[in-house]
Amino acid sequence: MTSPHDLEERDFDLMMEAMLERRRCACGPDLGACAPVAEIKRLQAQNANLQDALMGVVASLAAAISLLVRGGKAIKKTVASDKMFDQMMVDYRASIGQAVLAYKQGTPE
């Protein structure tokens, strides 16, 4: 095989151009985005599934919070203290906020 040192500059340019053309054909017009298309599509589908699942969990948690808050003293008696119950509600609401933020960050605008 010929080494690059043995090639004329014009030959080297032609060889590089041919290599780039083969890569363009395999990767599409953007040479920087040369990842397997099937893997990209798989990750996009997985991301969509995770986002759907996340929103389902958030909706369920929001409904549970609503029931717990409306349950009044009967529900609070099942917890060791009012302070613990109130902290649970704060934590649950914070979790919803984090989930919604993560969802927005993972969703293209």
N, C-alpha and C. Protein backbone atom coordinates (compact mmCIF):
# COMPACT_ATOMS: atom_id res chain seq x y z
N MET A 1 0.85 -1.18 0.00
CA MET A 1 0.00 0.00 0.00
C MET A 1 0.88 1.23 0.00
N THR A 2 0.44 2.25 -0.67
CA THR A 2 1.19 3.49 -0.78
C THR A 2 1.03 4.30 0.49
N SER A 3 2.12 4.82 0.99
CA SER A 3 2.03 5.66 2.18
C SER A 3 1.73 7.10 1.75
N PRO A 4 1.19 7.90 2.66
CA PRO A 4 0.91 9.30 2.31
C PRO A 4 2.15 10.06 1.88
N HIS A 5 3.33 9.62 2.34
CA HIS A 5 4.56 10.31 1.97
C HIS A 5 4.92 10.10 0.50
N ASP A 6 4.46 8.99 -0.07
CA ASP A 6 4.75 8.68 -1.47
C ASP A 6 3.78 9.34 -2.44
N LEU A 7 2.72 9.89 -1.95
CA LEU A 7 1.69 10.45 -2.81
C LEU A 7 2.00 11.90 -3.17
N GLU A 8 1.64 12.24 -4.36
CA GLU A 8 1.69 13.64 -4.76
C GLU A 8 0.57 14.36 -4.01
N GLU A 9 0.68 15.62 -3.80
CA GLU A 9 -0.35 16.37 -3.07
C GLU A 9 -1.71 16.21 -3.72
N ARG A 10 -1.76 16.26 -5.06
CA ARG A 10 -3.02 16.12 -5.77
C ARG A 10 -3.63 14.74 -5.53
N ASP A 11 -2.81 13.68 -5.54
CA ASP A 11 -3.29 12.33 -5.29
C ASP A 11 -3.84 12.20 -3.87
N PHE A 12 -3.14 12.80 -2.94
CA PHE A 12 -3.57 12.75 -1.54
C PHE A 12 -4.92 13.45 -1.39
N ASP A 13 -5.08 14.61 -2.03
CA ASP A 13 -6.35 15.33 -1.97
C ASP A 13 -7.48 14.50 -2.57
N LEU A 14 -7.22 13.82 -3.69
CA LEU A 14 -8.24 12.97 -4.31
C LEU A 14 -8.62 11.80 -3.40
N MET A 15 -7.61 11.21 -2.75
CA MET A 15 -7.88 10.10 -1.85
C MET A 15 -8.73 10.56 -0.66
N MET A 16 -8.40 11.71 -0.09
CA MET A 16 -9.17 12.24 1.04
C MET A 16 -10.59 12.59 0.61
N GLU A 17 -10.74 13.14 -0.55
CA GLU A 17 -12.06 13.48 -1.06
C GLU A 17 -12.91 12.21 -1.24
N ALA A 18 -12.31 11.16 -1.75
CA ALA A 18 -13.02 9.90 -1.92
C ALA A 18 -13.43 9.32 -0.57
N MET A 19 -12.55 9.40 0.41
CA MET A 19 -12.88 8.90 1.75
C MET A 19 -14.03 9.69 2.36
N LEU A 20 -13.98 11.00 2.20
CA LEU A 20 -15.06 11.84 2.73
C LEU A 20 -16.37 11.56 2.02
N GLU A 21 -16.33 11.31 0.73
CA GLU A 21 -17.55 11.02 -0.01
C GLU A 21 -18.17 9.71 0.47
N ARG A 22 -17.34 8.70 0.73
CA ARG A 22 -17.87 7.43 1.27
C ARG A 22 -18.51 7.67 2.62
N ARG A 23 -17.88 8.49 3.44
CA ARG A 23 -18.44 8.77 4.77
C ARG A 23 -19.74 9.56 4.65
N ARG A 24 -19.81 10.52 3.73
CA ARG A 24 -21.04 11.27 3.50
C ARG A 24 -22.19 10.34 3.14
N CYS A 25 -21.90 9.38 2.28
CA CYS A 25 -22.94 8.44 1.86
C CYS A 25 -23.45 7.62 3.04
N ALA A 26 -22.56 7.25 3.94
CA ALA A 26 -22.95 6.41 5.07
C ALA A 26 -23.63 7.22 6.17
N CYS A 27 -23.25 8.49 6.30
CA CYS A 27 -23.71 9.28 7.45
C CYS A 27 -24.71 10.36 7.11
N GLY A 28 -24.96 10.60 5.87
CA GLY A 28 -25.83 11.69 5.51
C GLY A 28 -25.02 12.95 5.32
N PRO A 29 -25.68 14.07 5.13
CA PRO A 29 -24.97 15.32 4.82
C PRO A 29 -24.15 15.87 5.98
N ASP A 30 -24.49 15.53 7.21
CA ASP A 30 -23.78 16.06 8.37
C ASP A 30 -22.77 15.03 8.86
N LEU A 31 -21.50 15.24 8.55
CA LEU A 31 -20.47 14.28 8.92
C LEU A 31 -20.32 14.13 10.43
N GLY A 32 -20.69 15.16 11.20
CA GLY A 32 -20.57 15.09 12.64
C GLY A 32 -21.65 14.23 13.28
N ALA A 33 -22.67 13.89 12.55
CA ALA A 33 -23.79 13.14 13.12
C ALA A 33 -23.78 11.70 12.63
N CYS A 34 -22.61 11.09 12.59
CA CYS A 34 -22.49 9.75 12.04
C CYS A 34 -22.66 8.69 13.12
N ALA A 35 -23.87 8.52 13.58
CA ALA A 35 -24.21 7.47 14.53
C ALA A 35 -25.18 6.54 13.83
N PRO A 36 -25.20 5.28 14.23
CA PRO A 36 -26.14 4.36 13.58
C PRO A 36 -27.58 4.86 13.71
N VAL A 37 -28.25 4.97 12.60
CA VAL A 37 -29.62 5.50 12.57
C VAL A 37 -30.55 4.66 13.44
N ALA A 38 -30.40 3.35 13.39
CA ALA A 38 -31.27 2.47 14.18
C ALA A 38 -31.10 2.75 15.67
N GLU A 39 -29.87 3.01 16.11
CA GLU A 39 -29.62 3.28 17.53
C GLU A 39 -30.24 4.61 17.94
N ILE A 40 -30.15 5.61 17.07
CA ILE A 40 -30.76 6.91 17.37
C ILE A 40 -32.27 6.75 17.49
N LYS A 41 -32.87 6.04 16.56
CA LYS A 41 -34.32 5.83 16.61
C LYS A 41 -34.73 5.04 17.84
N ARG A 42 -33.92 4.05 18.24
CA ARG A 42 -34.22 3.27 19.43
C ARG A 42 -34.18 4.15 20.68
N LEU A 43 -33.17 5.00 20.77
CA LEU A 43 -33.05 5.90 21.92
C LEU A 43 -34.18 6.93 21.96
N GLN A 44 -34.58 7.41 20.79
CA GLN A 44 -35.69 8.36 20.74
C GLN A 44 -36.99 7.70 21.20
N ALA A 45 -37.22 6.47 20.78
CA ALA A 45 -38.42 5.74 21.20
C ALA A 45 -38.37 5.45 22.70
N GLN A 46 -37.20 5.08 23.19
CA GLN A 46 -37.05 4.82 24.62
C GLN A 46 -37.30 6.09 25.42
N ASN A 47 -36.79 7.21 24.94
CA ASN A 47 -36.99 8.49 25.62
C ASN A 47 -38.48 8.84 25.66
N ALA A 48 -39.17 8.64 24.55
CA ALA A 48 -40.61 8.92 24.51
C ALA A 48 -41.37 8.02 25.48
N ASN A 49 -40.99 6.74 25.55
CA ASN A 49 -41.64 5.82 26.48
C ASN A 49 -41.40 6.23 27.93
N LEU A 50 -40.17 6.63 28.23
CA LEU A 50 -39.85 7.06 29.60
C LEU A 50 -40.61 8.34 29.97
N GLN A 51 -40.74 9.25 29.02
CA GLN A 51 -41.49 10.48 29.28
C GLN A 51 -42.95 10.18 29.55
N ASP A 52 -43.52 9.27 28.77
CA ASP A 52 -44.91 8.87 28.99
C ASP A 52 -45.08 8.23 30.37
N ALA A 53 -44.16 7.35 30.72
CA ALA A 53 -44.23 6.69 32.03
C ALA A 53 -44.07 7.70 33.15
N LEU A 54 -43.16 8.65 32.99
CA LEU A 54 -42.94 9.68 34.00
C LEU A 54 -44.20 10.50 34.23
N MET A 55 -44.87 10.88 33.16
CA MET A 55 -46.08 11.67 33.32
C MET A 55 -47.19 10.85 33.98
N GLY A 56 -47.24 9.56 33.73
CA GLY A 56 -48.20 8.69 34.40
C GLY A 56 -47.96 8.64 35.90
N VAL A 57 -46.70 8.52 36.28
CA VAL A 57 -46.34 8.50 37.71
C VAL A 57 -46.66 9.84 38.35
N VAL A 58 -46.36 10.93 37.66
CA VAL A 58 -46.64 12.27 38.20
C VAL A 58 -48.14 12.45 38.40
N ALA A 59 -48.93 12.03 37.43
CA ALA A 59 -50.39 12.17 37.56
C ALA A 59 -50.90 11.35 38.74
N SER A 60 -50.38 10.16 38.91
CA SER A 60 -50.80 9.31 40.04
C SER A 60 -50.39 9.93 41.37
N LEU A 61 -49.19 10.45 41.44
CA LEU A 61 -48.73 11.09 42.67
C LEU A 61 -49.56 12.33 42.98
N ALA A 62 -49.88 13.11 41.98
CA ALA A 62 -50.71 14.30 42.19
C ALA A 62 -52.10 13.90 42.72
N ALA A 63 -52.66 12.83 42.17
CA ALA A 63 -53.97 12.36 42.64
C ALA A 63 -53.88 11.87 44.08
N ALA A 64 -52.80 11.16 44.40
CA ALA A 64 -52.62 10.66 45.78
C ALA A 64 -52.48 11.82 46.76
N ILE A 65 -51.73 12.84 46.36
CA ILE A 65 -51.58 14.02 47.23
C ILE A 65 -52.94 14.65 47.48
N SER A 66 -53.71 14.78 46.42
CA SER A 66 -55.03 15.39 46.55
C SER A 66 -55.89 14.60 47.54
N LEU A 67 -55.89 13.29 47.41
CA LEU A 67 -56.67 12.45 48.33
C LEU A 67 -56.16 12.56 49.77
N LEU A 68 -54.86 12.56 49.92
CA LEU A 68 -54.30 12.66 51.27
C LEU A 68 -54.63 13.99 51.93
N VAL A 69 -54.52 15.05 51.16
CA VAL A 69 -54.80 16.38 51.72
C VAL A 69 -56.28 16.51 52.06
N ARG A 70 -57.15 15.99 51.21
CA ARG A 70 -58.59 16.08 51.47
C ARG A 70 -59.06 15.09 52.53
N GLY A 71 -58.21 14.12 52.85
CA GLY A 71 -58.60 13.11 53.83
C GLY A 71 -58.70 13.64 55.25
N GLY A 72 -58.11 14.79 55.47
CA GLY A 72 -58.23 15.43 56.79
C GLY A 72 -57.56 14.67 57.92
N LYS A 73 -58.17 14.78 59.10
CA LYS A 73 -57.59 14.22 60.32
C LYS A 73 -57.52 12.70 60.29
N ALA A 74 -58.45 12.06 59.63
CA ALA A 74 -58.44 10.60 59.58
C ALA A 74 -57.14 10.10 58.92
N ILE A 75 -56.71 10.76 57.86
CA ILE A 75 -55.48 10.38 57.17
C ILE A 75 -54.28 10.75 58.03
N LYS A 76 -54.30 11.93 58.62
CA LYS A 76 -53.16 12.38 59.41
C LYS A 76 -52.91 11.46 60.61
N LYS A 77 -53.96 10.81 61.12
CA LYS A 77 -53.80 9.91 62.26
C LYS A 77 -52.98 8.67 61.90
N THR A 78 -52.90 8.35 60.61
CA THR A 78 -52.13 7.18 60.19
C THR A 78 -50.64 7.46 60.14
N VAL A 79 -50.26 8.72 60.28
CA VAL A 79 -48.85 9.12 60.26
C VAL A 79 -48.45 9.47 61.68
N ALA A 80 -47.18 9.29 61.99
CA ALA A 80 -46.69 9.49 63.36
C ALA A 80 -46.96 10.89 63.90
N SER A 81 -46.91 11.91 63.03
CA SER A 81 -47.16 13.27 63.51
C SER A 81 -47.64 14.15 62.35
N ASP A 82 -48.29 15.28 62.72
CA ASP A 82 -48.72 16.24 61.71
C ASP A 82 -47.52 16.78 60.94
N LYS A 83 -46.45 17.02 61.68
CA LYS A 83 -45.24 17.57 61.05
C LYS A 83 -44.71 16.59 60.00
N MET A 84 -44.73 15.30 60.29
CA MET A 84 -44.26 14.30 59.34
C MET A 84 -45.16 14.28 58.10
N PHE A 85 -46.46 14.36 58.32
CA PHE A 85 -47.42 14.38 57.21
C PHE A 85 -47.17 15.60 56.33
N ASP A 86 -47.02 16.75 56.96
CA ASP A 86 -46.78 17.98 56.20
C ASP A 86 -45.48 17.89 55.40
N GLN A 87 -44.44 17.30 55.99
CA GLN A 87 -43.16 17.15 55.29
C GLN A 87 -43.30 16.19 54.10
N MET A 88 -44.10 15.13 54.29
CA MET A 88 -44.35 14.21 53.18
C MET A 88 -45.00 14.94 52.01
N MET A 89 -45.97 15.81 52.31
CA MET A 89 -46.64 16.55 51.23
C MET A 89 -45.66 17.48 50.52
N VAL A 90 -44.78 18.13 51.31
CA VAL A 90 -43.76 19.01 50.71
C VAL A 90 -42.85 18.19 49.79
N ASP A 91 -42.42 17.04 50.27
CA ASP A 91 -41.52 16.19 49.48
C ASP A 91 -42.21 15.68 48.21
N TYR A 92 -43.46 15.26 48.33
CA TYR A 92 -44.19 14.76 47.17
C TYR A 92 -44.36 15.85 46.12
N ARG A 93 -44.71 17.05 46.58
CA ARG A 93 -44.88 18.16 45.62
C ARG A 93 -43.55 18.54 44.97
N ALA A 94 -42.48 18.49 45.74
CA ALA A 94 -41.15 18.78 45.17
C ALA A 94 -40.79 17.73 44.11
N SER A 95 -41.15 16.48 44.38
CA SER A 95 -40.89 15.42 43.40
C SER A 95 -41.65 15.67 42.10
N ILE A 96 -42.87 16.13 42.22
CA ILE A 96 -43.65 16.45 41.02
C ILE A 96 -42.96 17.58 40.25
N GLY A 97 -42.51 18.60 40.96
CA GLY A 97 -41.82 19.71 40.30
C GLY A 97 -40.56 19.25 39.57
N GLN A 98 -39.79 18.36 40.21
CA GLN A 98 -38.58 17.85 39.57
C GLN A 98 -38.92 17.01 38.33
N ALA A 99 -39.96 16.22 38.43
CA ALA A 99 -40.36 15.38 37.30
C ALA A 99 -40.83 16.22 36.12
N VAL A 100 -41.60 17.25 36.40
CA VAL A 100 -42.09 18.12 35.32
C VAL A 100 -40.91 18.84 34.67
N LEU A 101 -39.97 19.31 35.47
CA LEU A 101 -38.78 19.97 34.92
C LEU A 101 -37.98 19.00 34.05
N ALA A 102 -37.78 17.78 34.53
CA ALA A 102 -37.04 16.78 33.74
C ALA A 102 -37.77 16.48 32.44
N TYR A 103 -39.09 16.41 32.50
CA TYR A 103 -39.88 16.17 31.30
C TYR A 103 -39.69 17.29 30.29
N LYS A 104 -39.77 18.53 30.78
CA LYS A 104 -39.61 19.68 29.86
C LYS A 104 -38.22 19.71 29.26
N GLN A 105 -37.20 19.37 30.03
CA GLN A 105 -35.83 19.37 29.52
C GLN A 105 -35.61 18.27 28.49
N GLY A 106 -36.36 17.17 28.61
CA GLY A 106 -36.20 16.06 27.68
C GLY A 106 -37.10 16.13 26.48
N THR A 107 -37.95 17.16 26.40
CA THR A 107 -38.90 17.29 25.30
C THR A 107 -38.45 18.42 24.38
N PRO A 108 -38.25 18.13 23.10
CA PRO A 108 -37.88 19.21 22.17
C PRO A 108 -39.01 20.23 22.07
N GLU A 109 -38.63 21.47 21.97
CA GLU A 109 -39.65 22.53 21.87
C GLU A 109 -40.05 22.76 20.45
